[in-house]
Protein backbone atom coordinates (compact mmCIF):
# COMPACT_ATOMS: atom_id res chain seq x y z
CA MET A 1 -7.02 20.14 -25.80
CA THR A 2 -5.05 19.42 -28.99
CA GLY A 3 -2.67 16.87 -30.49
CA LEU A 4 -1.42 14.25 -28.10
CA GLY A 5 -3.71 15.33 -25.32
CA ARG A 6 -6.89 14.84 -27.37
CA LYS A 7 -5.75 11.47 -28.71
CA VAL A 8 -4.90 10.13 -25.28
CA ALA A 9 -8.07 11.51 -23.72
CA VAL A 10 -10.37 9.78 -26.25
CA ALA A 11 -8.27 6.55 -26.25
CA ALA A 12 -8.28 6.38 -22.46
CA ARG A 13 -12.04 6.70 -22.25
CA LEU A 14 -12.70 4.17 -24.93
CA SER A 15 -10.13 1.76 -23.57
CA LEU A 16 -11.70 1.89 -20.15
CA LEU A 17 -15.19 1.33 -21.51
CA ASN A 18 -13.92 -1.54 -23.70
CA THR A 19 -12.14 -3.18 -20.78
CA VAL A 20 -15.06 -2.91 -18.40
CA LEU A 21 -17.51 -4.32 -20.91
CA VAL A 22 -15.35 -7.32 -21.76
CA ARG A 23 -14.44 -8.02 -18.14
CA ILE A 24 -18.11 -7.94 -17.07
CA GLY A 25 -18.87 -10.41 -19.86
CA ASN A 26 -15.99 -12.70 -18.91
CA PHE A 27 -17.04 -12.49 -15.26
CA ALA A 28 -20.61 -13.53 -16.13
CA MET A 29 -19.37 -16.41 -18.24
CA GLY A 30 -17.08 -17.62 -15.52
CA VAL A 31 -19.86 -17.59 -12.96
CA ILE A 32 -22.16 -19.66 -15.33
CA LEU A 33 -19.35 -22.20 -16.05
CA ALA A 34 -18.32 -22.56 -12.39
CA ARG A 35 -21.89 -22.78 -10.95
CA TYR A 36 -23.49 -25.07 -13.49
CA LEU A 37 -21.15 -26.67 -15.95
CA LEU A 38 -17.57 -27.19 -14.77
CA GLY A 39 -15.90 -28.11 -11.46
CA PRO A 40 -12.58 -27.38 -9.78
CA HIS A 41 -10.84 -30.25 -11.64
CA GLU A 42 -11.78 -28.80 -15.11
CA TRP A 43 -10.79 -25.31 -13.99
CA GLY A 44 -7.44 -26.67 -12.83
CA LEU A 45 -6.76 -28.30 -16.25
CA TYR A 46 -7.57 -25.04 -18.05
CA ALA A 47 -5.34 -23.17 -15.66
CA VAL A 48 -2.41 -25.34 -16.72
CA GLY A 49 -3.10 -24.41 -20.35
CA ALA A 50 -3.57 -20.74 -19.55
CA VAL A 51 -0.23 -20.60 -17.72
CA VAL A 52 1.72 -22.19 -20.63
CA LEU A 53 -0.03 -20.00 -23.18
CA ALA A 54 0.69 -16.82 -21.25
CA VAL A 55 4.37 -17.72 -21.14
CA LEU A 56 4.51 -18.40 -24.87
CA LEU A 57 2.61 -15.22 -25.73
CA SER A 58 5.15 -13.16 -23.75
CA ALA A 59 7.99 -14.40 -26.05
CA ASN A 60 6.25 -15.23 -29.29
CA GLU A 61 7.32 -12.18 -31.30
CA MET A 62 10.60 -11.44 -29.44
CA GLY A 63 9.32 -8.04 -28.32
CA VAL A 64 9.71 -6.59 -31.83
CA SER A 65 6.08 -5.52 -32.10
CA LEU A 66 6.70 -2.83 -29.50
CA ALA A 67 8.80 -1.04 -32.10
CA LEU A 68 5.57 -0.30 -33.95
CA ILE A 69 4.52 1.82 -30.93
CA ARG A 70 7.89 3.22 -29.82
CA TRP A 71 9.86 3.95 -32.98
CA GLU A 72 9.56 7.17 -34.92
CA GLY A 73 8.93 7.34 -38.62
CA ASP A 74 6.69 5.53 -41.11
CA VAL A 75 5.84 2.12 -39.61
CA ARG A 76 5.13 0.75 -43.07
CA ARG A 77 8.89 0.81 -43.67
CA PHE A 78 9.65 -1.90 -41.06
CA ALA A 79 6.24 -3.49 -40.43
CA PRO A 80 6.78 -6.30 -43.02
CA THR A 81 10.03 -7.32 -41.26
CA VAL A 82 8.24 -7.22 -37.88
CA LEU A 83 5.57 -9.53 -39.25
CA THR A 84 8.05 -11.97 -40.68
CA LEU A 85 9.99 -12.13 -37.42
CA SER A 86 6.90 -12.59 -35.28
CA THR A 87 5.41 -15.21 -37.54
CA LEU A 88 8.63 -17.30 -37.66
CA SER A 89 9.20 -17.13 -33.88
CA SER A 90 5.56 -18.00 -33.08
CA LEU A 91 5.58 -21.03 -35.39
CA THR A 92 8.87 -22.17 -33.78
CA LEU A 93 7.45 -21.80 -30.28
CA TYR A 94 4.28 -23.71 -31.13
CA GLY A 95 6.22 -26.53 -32.76
CA ALA A 96 8.33 -26.92 -29.59
CA LEU A 97 5.23 -26.78 -27.43
CA PHE A 98 3.43 -29.43 -29.51
CA ALA A 99 6.35 -31.85 -29.09
CA LEU A 100 6.85 -31.17 -25.40
CA ALA A 101 3.16 -30.97 -24.38
CA PRO A 102 3.09 -34.40 -22.59
CA THR A 103 6.23 -33.54 -20.55
CA ILE A 104 4.99 -30.01 -19.67
CA ALA A 105 1.57 -31.25 -18.63
CA SER A 106 3.13 -33.93 -16.40
CA LEU A 107 5.49 -31.50 -14.77
CA LEU A 108 2.59 -29.24 -13.92
CA GLY A 109 0.73 -32.05 -12.24
CA SER A 110 -1.90 -32.57 -14.93
CA ALA A 111 -0.81 -35.17 -17.53
CA GLU A 112 -4.35 -35.21 -18.97
CA ALA A 113 -3.98 -31.59 -20.11
CA THR A 114 -1.75 -32.62 -23.08
CA ASN A 115 -4.40 -32.30 -25.77
CA LEU A 116 -5.72 -29.09 -24.24
CA LEU A 117 -2.23 -27.57 -24.45
CA ARG A 118 -1.90 -28.46 -28.11
CA VAL A 119 -5.21 -26.96 -29.05
CA LEU A 120 -5.11 -23.84 -26.82
CA CYS A 121 -1.55 -22.87 -27.58
CA PHE A 122 -2.10 -22.64 -31.33
CA ALA A 123 -3.34 -19.21 -30.35
CA VAL A 124 0.35 -18.17 -30.15
CA VAL A 125 0.62 -18.51 -33.94
CA ILE A 126 -2.49 -16.44 -34.46
CA ASP A 127 -1.19 -13.81 -32.06
CA GLY A 128 2.16 -13.72 -33.87
CA ILE A 129 0.39 -12.65 -37.04
CA ALA A 130 -2.07 -10.31 -35.38
CA CYS A 131 0.54 -8.39 -33.35
CA VAL A 132 1.49 -6.11 -36.19
CA PRO A 133 -1.96 -4.68 -37.06
CA ASN A 134 -2.69 -4.52 -33.33
CA GLY A 135 0.51 -2.58 -32.75
CA LYS A 136 -0.46 -0.10 -35.42
CA LEU A 137 -3.91 0.40 -33.78
CA THR A 138 -2.21 1.03 -30.44
CA ARG A 139 0.24 3.51 -31.95
CA ASP A 140 -2.64 5.46 -33.44
CA PHE A 141 -4.69 5.37 -30.19
CA ALA A 142 -7.44 3.68 -32.22
CA GLN A 143 -9.29 2.35 -29.21
CA GLY A 144 -12.63 2.56 -31.02
CA LYS A 145 -11.49 -0.05 -33.49
CA ARG A 146 -9.97 -2.13 -30.67
CA MET A 147 -13.27 -2.07 -28.91
CA ALA A 148 -15.05 -3.45 -31.92
CA ILE A 149 -12.47 -6.24 -32.26
CA ASP A 150 -12.50 -7.12 -28.52
CA LEU A 151 -16.29 -7.22 -28.29
CA ALA A 152 -16.58 -9.49 -31.34
CA THR A 153 -13.82 -11.69 -29.97
CA PHE A 154 -15.65 -11.98 -26.62
CA LEU A 155 -18.98 -12.86 -28.18
CA ILE A 156 -17.51 -15.58 -30.42
CA SER A 157 -15.28 -17.06 -27.71
CA THR A 158 -18.10 -17.05 -25.19
CA ALA A 159 -20.59 -18.70 -27.56
CA VAL A 160 -18.21 -21.53 -28.42
CA THR A 161 -17.07 -22.10 -24.83
CA LEU A 162 -20.56 -22.21 -23.31
CA THR A 163 -21.91 -24.42 -26.10
CA LEU A 164 -19.11 -26.99 -25.80
CA ALA A 165 -19.29 -26.99 -22.04
CA ALA A 166 -23.00 -27.63 -22.12
CA LEU A 167 -22.36 -30.53 -24.48
CA GLY A 168 -19.92 -32.09 -22.04
CA ALA A 169 -16.58 -31.11 -23.57
CA GLY A 170 -15.14 -30.22 -20.16
CA ALA A 171 -11.90 -28.28 -20.02
CA MET A 172 -11.53 -28.55 -23.79
CA SER A 173 -14.41 -26.13 -24.14
CA PHE A 174 -12.05 -23.39 -22.83
CA ALA A 175 -9.41 -24.30 -25.40
CA TRP A 176 -11.67 -24.27 -28.42
CA GLY A 177 -13.42 -21.13 -27.28
CA ALA A 178 -10.13 -19.27 -26.79
CA LEU A 179 -8.90 -20.41 -30.23
CA ALA A 180 -12.12 -19.20 -31.88
CA GLY A 181 -11.71 -15.85 -30.17
CA SER A 182 -8.11 -15.46 -31.27
CA ALA A 183 -9.06 -16.23 -34.89
CA SER A 184 -11.87 -13.62 -34.81
CA ALA A 185 -9.47 -11.02 -33.39
CA LEU A 186 -7.05 -11.63 -36.22
CA VAL A 187 -9.87 -11.18 -38.75
CA GLY A 188 -10.91 -7.92 -37.09
CA ALA A 189 -7.32 -6.61 -37.07
CA ALA A 190 -6.93 -7.50 -40.77
CA ILE A 191 -10.13 -5.60 -41.61
CA PHE A 192 -8.99 -2.43 -39.90
CA GLU A 193 -5.30 -2.54 -40.86
CA PRO A 194 -4.95 -4.71 -43.98
CA ARG A 195 -1.73 -2.97 -45.09
CA MET A 196 -0.02 -4.22 -41.90
CA LEU A 197 -0.37 -7.88 -42.98
CA ARG A 198 2.42 -7.88 -45.56
CA TRP A 199 5.43 -10.10 -45.03
CA GLY A 200 8.78 -8.77 -46.04
CA TRP A 201 12.47 -8.80 -45.00
CA ASP A 202 15.04 -6.09 -44.51
CA PRO A 203 18.25 -7.53 -42.88
CA GLN A 204 19.30 -4.16 -41.45
CA GLU A 205 15.91 -3.48 -39.93
CA ALA A 206 15.72 -7.05 -38.64
CA ARG A 207 19.01 -6.61 -36.69
CA LYS A 208 17.78 -3.34 -35.14
CA LEU A 209 14.41 -4.87 -34.29
CA VAL A 210 16.00 -7.89 -32.62
CA ARG A 211 18.36 -5.65 -30.56
CA PHE A 212 15.43 -3.55 -29.49
CA GLY A 213 12.96 -6.35 -28.81
CA LEU A 214 14.91 -9.13 -27.12
CA PRO A 215 15.50 -7.25 -23.84
CA LEU A 216 11.76 -6.39 -23.74
CA ALA A 217 10.82 -10.00 -24.57
CA GLY A 218 13.08 -11.19 -21.81
CA ALA A 219 11.58 -8.76 -19.39
CA SER A 220 8.05 -9.70 -20.44
CA LEU A 221 8.86 -13.44 -20.07
CA LEU A 222 10.12 -12.82 -16.56
CA VAL A 223 6.98 -10.87 -15.74
CA LEU A 224 4.80 -13.73 -17.00
CA ALA A 225 6.88 -16.25 -15.10
CA MET A 226 6.48 -14.15 -11.94
CA VAL A 227 2.67 -13.86 -12.49
CA ASN A 228 2.30 -17.56 -13.22
CA VAL A 229 4.87 -19.29 -11.03
CA ASP A 230 2.26 -19.56 -8.22
CA SER A 231 -0.08 -21.57 -10.46
CA MET A 232 2.83 -23.77 -11.57
CA VAL A 233 3.76 -24.47 -7.98
CA VAL A 234 0.14 -25.14 -6.92
CA GLY A 235 -0.41 -27.48 -9.88
CA ALA A 236 2.77 -29.38 -9.35
CA ALA A 237 2.64 -29.62 -5.57
CA LEU A 238 -1.15 -29.81 -4.85
CA GLY A 239 -2.77 -31.07 -8.07
CA PRO A 240 -5.46 -29.87 -10.48
CA VAL A 241 -8.30 -29.61 -7.91
CA ALA A 242 -6.34 -27.24 -5.63
CA LEU A 243 -5.26 -25.39 -8.74
CA GLY A 244 -8.91 -25.03 -9.77
CA PHE A 245 -9.63 -23.31 -6.39
CA TYR A 246 -6.55 -21.21 -6.78
CA GLN A 247 -7.51 -20.22 -10.35
CA ILE A 248 -10.90 -18.89 -9.16
CA ALA A 249 -9.21 -16.85 -6.40
CA SER A 250 -6.62 -15.59 -8.85
CA ASN A 251 -9.27 -14.63 -11.38
CA MET A 252 -11.27 -12.73 -8.77
CA ALA A 253 -8.17 -10.93 -7.44
CA GLY A 254 -7.32 -9.97 -11.03
CA TRP A 255 -10.62 -8.13 -11.62
CA PRO A 256 -9.22 -4.75 -10.56
CA VAL A 257 -5.92 -5.45 -12.32
CA ARG A 258 -7.50 -6.43 -15.61
CA THR A 259 -10.22 -3.75 -15.51
CA ILE A 260 -8.17 -0.75 -14.30
CA SER A 261 -4.55 -1.56 -15.20
CA GLU A 262 -5.21 -2.98 -18.68
CA ALA A 263 -7.30 0.02 -19.61
CA ALA A 264 -4.50 2.39 -18.48
CA ARG A 265 -1.76 0.32 -20.18
CA ARG A 266 -3.34 0.64 -23.57
CA VAL A 267 -2.40 4.28 -23.51
CA SER A 268 0.19 4.60 -20.70
CA PHE A 269 3.18 3.21 -22.63
CA ALA A 270 2.49 5.33 -25.64
CA GLY A 271 1.81 8.33 -23.43
CA PHE A 272 4.93 7.87 -21.25
CA SER A 273 6.96 7.40 -24.45
CA ARG A 274 5.89 10.80 -25.75
CA LEU A 275 6.71 12.44 -22.37
CA ALA A 276 10.11 10.72 -22.34
CA GLU A 277 10.81 12.17 -25.75
CA GLY A 278 10.38 15.69 -24.46
CA ALA A 279 6.63 16.31 -24.65
CA GLY A 280 6.50 17.00 -20.91
CA SER A 281 7.52 15.92 -17.42
CA LEU A 282 7.70 12.14 -17.07
CA ALA A 283 7.68 12.43 -13.26
CA ASP A 284 4.59 14.57 -13.13
CA GLY A 285 2.82 12.27 -15.52
CA TYR A 286 3.68 9.33 -13.28
CA TYR A 287 2.47 11.04 -10.07
CA LYS A 288 -0.85 11.95 -11.70
CA ALA A 289 -1.43 8.49 -13.13
CA PHE A 290 -0.34 6.82 -9.88
CA GLY A 291 -2.86 8.77 -7.75
CA ILE A 292 -5.72 8.14 -10.16
CA LEU A 293 -5.00 4.40 -10.48
CA LEU A 294 -4.82 3.95 -6.70
CA THR A 295 -8.02 5.92 -6.12
CA ALA A 296 -9.88 3.60 -8.55
CA ALA A 297 -8.21 0.30 -7.52
CA VAL A 298 -7.94 0.47 -3.72
CA PRO A 299 -11.63 0.05 -2.76
CA ALA A 300 -12.11 -2.97 -5.04
CA CYS A 301 -8.96 -4.68 -3.76
CA ALA A 302 -9.74 -3.80 -0.17
CA LEU A 303 -13.27 -5.26 -0.36
CA LEU A 304 -12.02 -8.45 -2.03
CA GLY A 305 -9.48 -8.97 0.70
CA ALA A 306 -11.78 -8.11 3.60
CA LEU A 307 -14.73 -10.20 2.49
CA ALA A 308 -12.93 -12.95 0.55
CA GLU A 309 -14.83 -16.03 1.54
CA PRO A 310 -18.31 -14.41 1.51
CA VAL A 311 -17.65 -13.03 -1.95
CA VAL A 312 -16.64 -16.45 -3.27
CA ARG A 313 -19.68 -18.14 -1.71
CA VAL A 314 -22.18 -15.62 -2.99
CA ILE A 315 -20.82 -15.48 -6.57
CA TYR A 316 -19.58 -19.00 -7.28
CA GLY A 317 -21.35 -21.11 -4.63
CA ASP A 318 -20.35 -23.02 -1.55
CA THR A 319 -18.36 -25.58 -3.58
CA TRP A 320 -15.76 -22.94 -4.25
CA ALA A 321 -15.40 -21.62 -0.64
CA PRO A 322 -11.83 -22.96 -0.25
CA ALA A 323 -10.74 -20.32 -2.82
CA GLY A 324 -11.31 -17.60 -0.13
CA ALA A 325 -8.10 -18.69 1.69
CA ALA A 326 -6.00 -17.49 -1.27
CA LEU A 327 -8.21 -14.56 -2.29
CA ARG A 328 -7.68 -12.48 0.86
CA PHE A 329 -3.95 -12.31 0.06
CA LEU A 330 -4.17 -12.18 -3.70
CA ALA A 331 -6.31 -9.07 -3.44
CA VAL A 332 -3.36 -7.25 -1.87
CA LEU A 333 -1.06 -8.60 -4.51
CA GLY A 334 -3.47 -7.34 -7.19
CA LEU A 335 -3.12 -3.78 -5.91
CA PHE A 336 0.68 -4.07 -5.95
CA ARG A 337 0.62 -5.36 -9.57
CA ILE A 338 -1.40 -2.38 -10.67
CA VAL A 339 1.27 -0.09 -9.33
CA TYR A 340 4.02 -2.27 -10.70
CA GLU A 341 2.58 -2.28 -14.22
CA LEU A 342 2.33 1.47 -14.29
CA SER A 343 5.94 1.71 -13.09
CA TYR A 344 7.06 -0.86 -15.68
CA ASP A 345 5.59 1.21 -18.57
CA CYS A 346 7.17 4.36 -17.23
CA LEU A 347 10.59 2.81 -16.82
CA ILE A 348 10.41 1.19 -20.27
CA ALA A 349 9.64 4.61 -21.75
CA ALA A 350 12.55 6.07 -19.79
CA GLY A 351 14.94 3.51 -21.34
CA ARG A 352 15.52 1.41 -18.13
CA ARG A 353 15.12 -1.95 -19.74
CA LYS A 354 18.21 -3.55 -18.24
CA ALA A 355 17.23 -2.47 -14.72
CA LEU A 356 13.76 -3.96 -15.21
CA LEU A 357 15.25 -7.19 -16.44
CA ALA A 358 17.47 -7.47 -13.37
CA LEU A 359 14.52 -6.59 -11.02
CA GLN A 360 12.30 -9.23 -12.60
CA ALA A 361 15.01 -11.85 -12.41
CA TRP A 362 15.44 -11.14 -8.72
CA TRP A 363 11.67 -11.22 -8.11
CA LEU A 364 11.36 -14.67 -9.76
CA ALA A 365 14.49 -16.02 -7.95
CA ALA A 366 12.93 -15.02 -4.65
CA LEU A 367 9.44 -16.37 -5.48
CA VAL A 368 10.36 -19.91 -6.55
CA PRO A 369 11.90 -21.22 -3.31
CA SER A 370 9.51 -19.29 -1.13
CA LEU A 371 6.40 -20.79 -2.80
CA MET A 372 7.84 -24.25 -3.05
CA LEU A 373 8.39 -24.19 0.75
CA LEU A 374 5.02 -22.76 1.62
CA ALA A 375 2.74 -24.80 -0.70
CA PRO A 376 3.01 -28.27 0.89
CA ARG A 377 2.55 -26.95 4.38
CA PHE A 378 0.04 -24.13 4.04
CA GLY A 379 -1.76 -24.92 0.79
CA ILE A 380 -3.08 -22.24 -1.56
CA GLY A 381 -3.37 -19.66 1.26
CA GLY A 382 0.34 -20.00 1.96
CA VAL A 383 1.24 -19.67 -1.72
CA ALA A 384 -0.81 -16.38 -1.91
CA ALA A 385 0.69 -15.01 1.32
CA GLY A 386 4.22 -15.83 0.18
CA GLN A 387 3.70 -13.79 -2.96
CA VAL A 388 2.65 -10.76 -0.95
CA MET A 389 5.61 -10.97 1.36
CA VAL A 390 8.12 -11.27 -1.46
CA ALA A 391 6.51 -8.39 -3.37
CA LEU A 392 6.30 -5.95 -0.44
CA LEU A 393 9.60 -6.81 1.34
CA LEU A 394 11.97 -7.75 -1.46
CA VAL A 395 10.66 -6.11 -4.66
CA ALA A 396 8.99 -2.81 -3.74
CA PRO A 397 12.15 -1.18 -2.28
CA ILE A 398 14.01 -1.82 -5.53
CA ILE A 399 11.19 -0.40 -7.67
CA VAL A 400 11.30 2.74 -5.57
CA ALA A 401 15.02 3.06 -6.05
CA VAL A 402 14.88 2.57 -9.83
CA LEU A 403 12.05 5.12 -10.15
CA ALA A 404 14.19 7.60 -8.22
CA ARG A 405 16.94 7.26 -10.83
CA VAL A 406 14.62 8.70 -13.46
CA GLY A 407 13.55 11.62 -11.32
CA ILE A 408 10.44 10.18 -9.62
CA SER A 409 10.69 11.08 -5.94
CA PRO A 410 9.53 8.46 -3.35
CA ILE A 411 8.19 11.31 -1.20
CA ALA A 412 6.15 12.70 -4.10
CA VAL A 413 4.81 9.22 -4.90
CA LEU A 414 3.69 8.84 -1.29
CA ARG A 415 2.14 12.28 -1.35
CA ALA A 416 0.21 11.28 -4.51
CA GLY A 417 -1.10 8.04 -3.00
CA TRP A 418 -1.46 8.32 0.73
CA ARG A 419 -5.18 9.23 0.65
CA PRO A 420 -6.38 6.14 -1.26
CA LEU A 421 -4.06 3.92 0.77
CA ALA A 422 -5.46 5.28 4.03
CA GLY A 423 -8.95 4.96 2.67
CA GLY A 424 -8.25 1.28 1.86
CA ILE A 425 -7.42 0.60 5.53
CA VAL A 426 -10.72 2.18 6.53
CA VAL A 427 -12.61 0.11 3.93
CA VAL A 428 -11.17 -3.08 5.31
CA ALA A 429 -12.00 -2.17 8.86
CA VAL A 430 -15.56 -1.04 8.16
CA ALA A 431 -16.34 -4.05 5.97
CA ARG A 432 -15.07 -6.56 8.56
CA LEU A 433 -17.05 -4.84 11.32
CA ALA A 434 -20.26 -4.46 9.38
CA TYR A 435 -20.55 -7.90 7.79
CA PRO A 436 -21.33 -9.89 10.98
CA LEU A 437 -24.02 -7.36 11.98
CA MET A 438 -26.12 -8.03 8.87
CA PRO A 439 -28.25 -10.96 7.62
CA GLN A 440 -26.05 -13.58 5.97
CA GLY A 441 -25.62 -14.18 2.28
CA PHE A 442 -25.94 -11.56 -0.47
CA ILE A 443 -27.65 -8.97 1.80
CA ALA A 444 -24.76 -9.00 4.26
CA LEU A 445 -22.18 -8.82 1.46
CA ALA A 446 -23.99 -5.95 -0.35
CA GLY A 447 -24.64 -4.05 2.82
CA ALA A 448 -21.15 -4.30 4.22
CA SER A 449 -19.66 -3.32 0.86
CA LEU A 450 -21.91 -0.27 0.57
CA VAL A 451 -21.09 1.01 4.04
CA ALA A 452 -17.39 0.48 3.44
CA LEU A 453 -17.51 2.35 0.12
CA LEU A 454 -19.34 5.24 1.76
CA ALA A 455 -16.51 5.42 4.24
CA TYR A 456 -14.04 5.66 1.34
CA VAL A 457 -15.72 8.69 -0.26
CA PRO A 458 -13.99 11.33 1.88
CA PHE A 459 -10.63 9.90 0.85
CA ALA A 460 -11.52 9.69 -2.86
CA LEU A 461 -13.09 13.12 -3.42
CA PRO A 462 -9.85 15.15 -2.98
CA MET A 463 -8.13 12.83 -5.46
CA ILE A 464 -10.90 13.29 -8.01
CA ARG A 465 -10.81 17.03 -7.65
CA ASN A 466 -7.06 17.11 -8.04
CA ALA A 467 -7.25 14.96 -11.15
CA ARG A 468 -9.54 17.49 -12.79
CA ARG A 469 -7.37 20.46 -11.82
CA PRO A 470 -4.75 21.50 -14.47
CA ARG A 471 -1.19 21.15 -13.07
CA PRO A 472 1.41 23.72 -13.99
CA MET A 473 4.30 22.18 -15.82
CA GLU A 474 7.49 23.04 -17.64
CA SER A 475 6.10 21.29 -20.77
CA SER A 476 3.80 21.68 -23.65
CA GLU A 477 -0.01 21.80 -23.30
CA ASP A 478 -0.19 18.37 -24.91
CA ALA A 479 1.63 16.84 -22.00
CA ALA A 480 -0.64 18.59 -19.57
CA ALA A 481 -3.62 17.26 -21.30
CA TYR A 482 -2.13 13.79 -21.24
CA GLN A 483 -1.57 13.96 -17.48
CA THR A 484 -5.14 14.97 -16.88
CA THR A 485 -6.55 11.98 -18.78
CA ALA A 486 -3.93 9.28 -19.16
CA ALA A 487 -5.07 6.97 -16.40
């Protein structure tokens, strides 16, 4: 294994390890906060801030930082201009947020979240500065350095959040903890890539960067709007307590997405970009990554959906049981998002930015009225179910069609993923049948999960063997090595 293959292989393994460690830590912190320190109301207020921050982060550097990963040549030539653009845009966004915070908080059903928004969202300025050194680390597949940064960020953020929550700071403990973590991440990025923190300006480069980045920023903004419109609707229609329950369900459903998909995305865009430039078959790379991702994600999503309420009760306590109504549907949506994010990276690498923008606009346009109609009548369960229906019935067929235009066959995709999908159906059936037959509580949950996972093994083994087997290609050995390890 040489060149691109070796870099991607090492980066993928380190990225997965990094993501798993941080997610386990975040999970443990969330359980402590929910069980002992904070209730649904505080979680709901924080959810309002998290939604707004996510939307700001998606647009804060106008997409220009992706040029550090995608463009050829010496990044030091245009990095100063990227840093200037991202810093100016993030300062502008934060200024607008600071002024509009009372209005935004009221529209989202939580007027008391105003100060939380102003504190938490300062992270957008820090991110606007850190995006350049972080982009350079991603371009170089320097996941070992990213791991060091992420672990330090987690430790500092967790320490601040738990300390303030124990002292009675309520939802503001989240805000100050997140801000402390963002600041530590910037310091870490500056230590590893100090040459990337130099402001400068080249008008010609700036024009090219804006032309490249704005469509991507628009697409990312639409993605974040789609991901967060449910929380906005729940907050505005049902209030912060319902949003607190929904936030717990959303967090739990996101475990597979964040652990598996984020680990893959740290190398998938760079890897697909190399394949799109001629290093190998983009379609074969997609099939391989699709099968591996599904094999890893299906059992977790299936168990969360099948045993939604018992999982919530055992982990967070009886107080949070209403979250189970949303979790059973959000687990299905989580699996869909894993596939969508892989497809998104592949299509971006293939130059289909306009098609993605149109797809995301359609997705958002379909979601908003659907969720607004379902929320008042069916509560958080109706909001979650509405998202699944829109994703599977109105969005999935379009994704398949766009992928086909870049040479990715729907039949080949189905062939790559039918085993884990069939295994997921078996997992749900076995878990639902086994749970009532066992003693209640943790023993029943653990026993039913174990039996269901054993039933999944026959479906997973052929996929694992296939992932380890070299696939003949019309490409270089670097691309073959990438396909074997990318996901």
